[in-house]
Amino acid sequence: MMSGPEDMTFSGPEGKYAWTATVGEKGQIVIPKQAREIFGIRPGDVLLLLGDKDRGIAIPPKSQIDQMHLRMFGGPGQ
């Protein structure tokens, strides 16, 4: 699926970004190229999507997935 003409990039303070993405018929989204480059996302990568009914969906950096898992679920035997 190609991103549509309505997909946009917003720049904020240094290091802060916002992008839009269109959801396709199969529920797929295309992560904008700039976002993939900044966050080192490559084809085949597995991403974690976090959801909060009130706050929405977030995709944390791959480097933080293990740390978040430990904070959320504790270590072995906890």
C-alpha atoms as a PDB file:
ATOM      1  CA  MET A   1       0.000   0.000   0.000  1.00  0.00           C
ATOM      2  CA  MET A   2       1.346   3.411  -0.872  1.00  0.00           C
ATOM      3  CA  SER A   3       0.837   6.359   1.420  1.00  0.00           C
ATOM      4  CA  GLY A   4      -1.825   8.733   0.229  1.00  0.00           C
ATOM      5  CA  PRO A   5      -1.461  12.383  -0.663  1.00  0.00           C
ATOM      6  CA  GLU A   6      -3.168  13.290   2.612  1.00  0.00           C
ATOM      7  CA  ASP A   7      -0.303  11.815   4.687  1.00  0.00           C
ATOM      8  CA  MET A   8       1.739  14.622   6.240  1.00  0.00           C
ATOM      9  CA  THR A   9       4.780  15.292   8.413  1.00  0.00           C
ATOM     10  CA  PHE A  10       4.803  17.831  11.223  1.00  0.00           C
ATOM     11  CA  SER A  11       8.012  19.125  12.783  1.00  0.00           C
ATOM     12  CA  GLY A  12       8.128  20.384  16.339  1.00  0.00           C
ATOM     13  CA  PRO A  13      11.017  21.174  18.670  1.00  0.00           C
ATOM     14  CA  GLU A  14      14.300  19.478  17.797  1.00  0.00           C
ATOM     15  CA  GLY A  15      13.932  15.715  17.965  1.00  0.00           C
ATOM     16  CA  LYS A  16      10.120  15.819  18.082  1.00  0.00           C
ATOM     17  CA  TYR A  17       8.036  14.688  15.127  1.00  0.00           C
ATOM     18  CA  ALA A  18       4.499  13.790  14.191  1.00  0.00           C
ATOM     19  CA  TRP A  19       3.350  11.977  11.067  1.00  0.00           C
ATOM     20  CA  THR A  20       0.044  10.925   9.643  1.00  0.00           C
ATOM     21  CA  ALA A  21      -0.569   7.565   8.010  1.00  0.00           C
ATOM     22  CA  THR A  22      -3.541   6.180   6.123  1.00  0.00           C
ATOM     23  CA  VAL A  23      -5.092   2.869   7.202  1.00  0.00           C
ATOM     24  CA  GLY A  24      -5.667   0.600   4.211  1.00  0.00           C
ATOM     25  CA  GLU A  25      -8.523  -1.819   3.640  1.00  0.00           C
ATOM     26  CA  LYS A  26      -6.624  -4.644   5.373  1.00  0.00           C
ATOM     27  CA  GLY A  27      -5.844  -2.461   8.414  1.00  0.00           C
ATOM     28  CA  GLN A  28      -2.251  -1.872   7.340  1.00  0.00           C
ATOM     29  CA  ILE A  29      -0.432   1.418   7.729  1.00  0.00           C
ATOM     30  CA  VAL A  30       2.745   2.584   6.042  1.00  0.00           C
ATOM     31  CA  ILE A  31       5.259   4.066   8.461  1.00  0.00           C
ATOM     32  CA  PRO A  32       6.596   7.204   6.747  1.00  0.00           C
ATOM     33  CA  LYS A  33      10.107   6.916   5.305  1.00  0.00           C
ATOM     34  CA  GLN A  34      11.474   9.686   7.534  1.00  0.00           C
ATOM     35  CA  ALA A  35      10.196   7.875  10.641  1.00  0.00           C
ATOM     36  CA  ARG A  36      11.690   4.560   9.478  1.00  0.00           C
ATOM     37  CA  GLU A  37      15.053   6.247   8.891  1.00  0.00           C
ATOM     38  CA  ILE A  38      15.101   8.132  12.211  1.00  0.00           C
ATOM     39  CA  PHE A  39      14.142   5.071  14.259  1.00  0.00           C
ATOM     40  CA  GLY A  40      16.054   2.456  12.266  1.00  0.00           C
ATOM     41  CA  ILE A  41      12.964   0.465  11.291  1.00  0.00           C
ATOM     42  CA  ARG A  42      13.743  -2.123   8.620  1.00  0.00           C
ATOM     43  CA  PRO A  43      11.565  -4.580   6.666  1.00  0.00           C
ATOM     44  CA  GLY A  44      10.817  -7.619   8.830  1.00  0.00           C
ATOM     45  CA  ASP A  45      11.240  -5.767  12.139  1.00  0.00           C
ATOM     46  CA  VAL A  46       8.686  -6.604  14.803  1.00  0.00           C
ATOM     47  CA  LEU A  47       7.209  -3.543  16.478  1.00  0.00           C
ATOM     48  CA  LEU A  48       5.278  -3.313  19.734  1.00  0.00           C
ATOM     49  CA  LEU A  49       2.061  -1.302  19.640  1.00  0.00           C
ATOM     50  CA  LEU A  50       0.792  -0.077  23.005  1.00  0.00           C
ATOM     51  CA  GLY A  51      -2.818   1.006  23.334  1.00  0.00           C
ATOM     52  CA  ASP A  52      -4.708   3.067  25.862  1.00  0.00           C
ATOM     53  CA  LYS A  53      -8.402   3.705  25.248  1.00  0.00           C
ATOM     54  CA  ASP A  54      -8.079   7.310  26.410  1.00  0.00           C
ATOM     55  CA  ARG A  55      -4.614   8.189  25.090  1.00  0.00           C
ATOM     56  CA  GLY A  56      -4.402   6.224  21.830  1.00  0.00           C
ATOM     57  CA  ILE A  57      -1.754   4.022  20.252  1.00  0.00           C
ATOM     58  CA  ALA A  58       2.018   4.372  20.664  1.00  0.00           C
ATOM     59  CA  ILE A  59       4.929   2.542  19.032  1.00  0.00           C
ATOM     60  CA  PRO A  60       7.900   2.717  21.405  1.00  0.00           C
ATOM     61  CA  PRO A  61      11.500   2.508  20.149  1.00  0.00           C
ATOM     62  CA  LYS A  62      12.714  -1.058  19.605  1.00  0.00           C
ATOM     63  CA  SER A  63      15.532  -0.441  22.085  1.00  0.00           C
ATOM     64  CA  GLN A  64      13.024   0.082  24.910  1.00  0.00           C
ATOM     65  CA  ILE A  65      10.872  -3.026  24.423  1.00  0.00           C
ATOM     66  CA  ASP A  66      12.820  -5.231  26.884  1.00  0.00           C
ATOM     67  CA  GLN A  67      12.937  -2.467  29.500  1.00  0.00           C
ATOM     68  CA  MET A  68       9.193  -1.848  29.197  1.00  0.00           C
ATOM     69  CA  HIS A  69       8.423  -5.549  29.442  1.00  0.00           C
ATOM     70  CA  LEU A  70      10.326  -5.761  32.729  1.00  0.00           C
ATOM     71  CA  ARG A  71       8.558  -2.678  34.123  1.00  0.00           C
ATOM     72  CA  MET A  72       5.139  -3.915  33.071  1.00  0.00           C
ATOM     73  CA  PHE A  73       5.403  -7.606  33.914  1.00  0.00           C
ATOM     74  CA  GLY A  74       8.407  -7.879  36.222  1.00  0.00           C
ATOM     75  CA  GLY A  75      11.335 -10.212  35.922  1.00  0.00           C
ATOM     76  CA  PRO A  76      11.333 -14.012  36.193  1.00  0.00           C
ATOM     77  CA  GLY A  77       9.555 -15.226  39.292  1.00  0.00           C
ATOM     78  CA  GLN A  78       7.818 -11.920  40.024  1.00  0.00           C
END
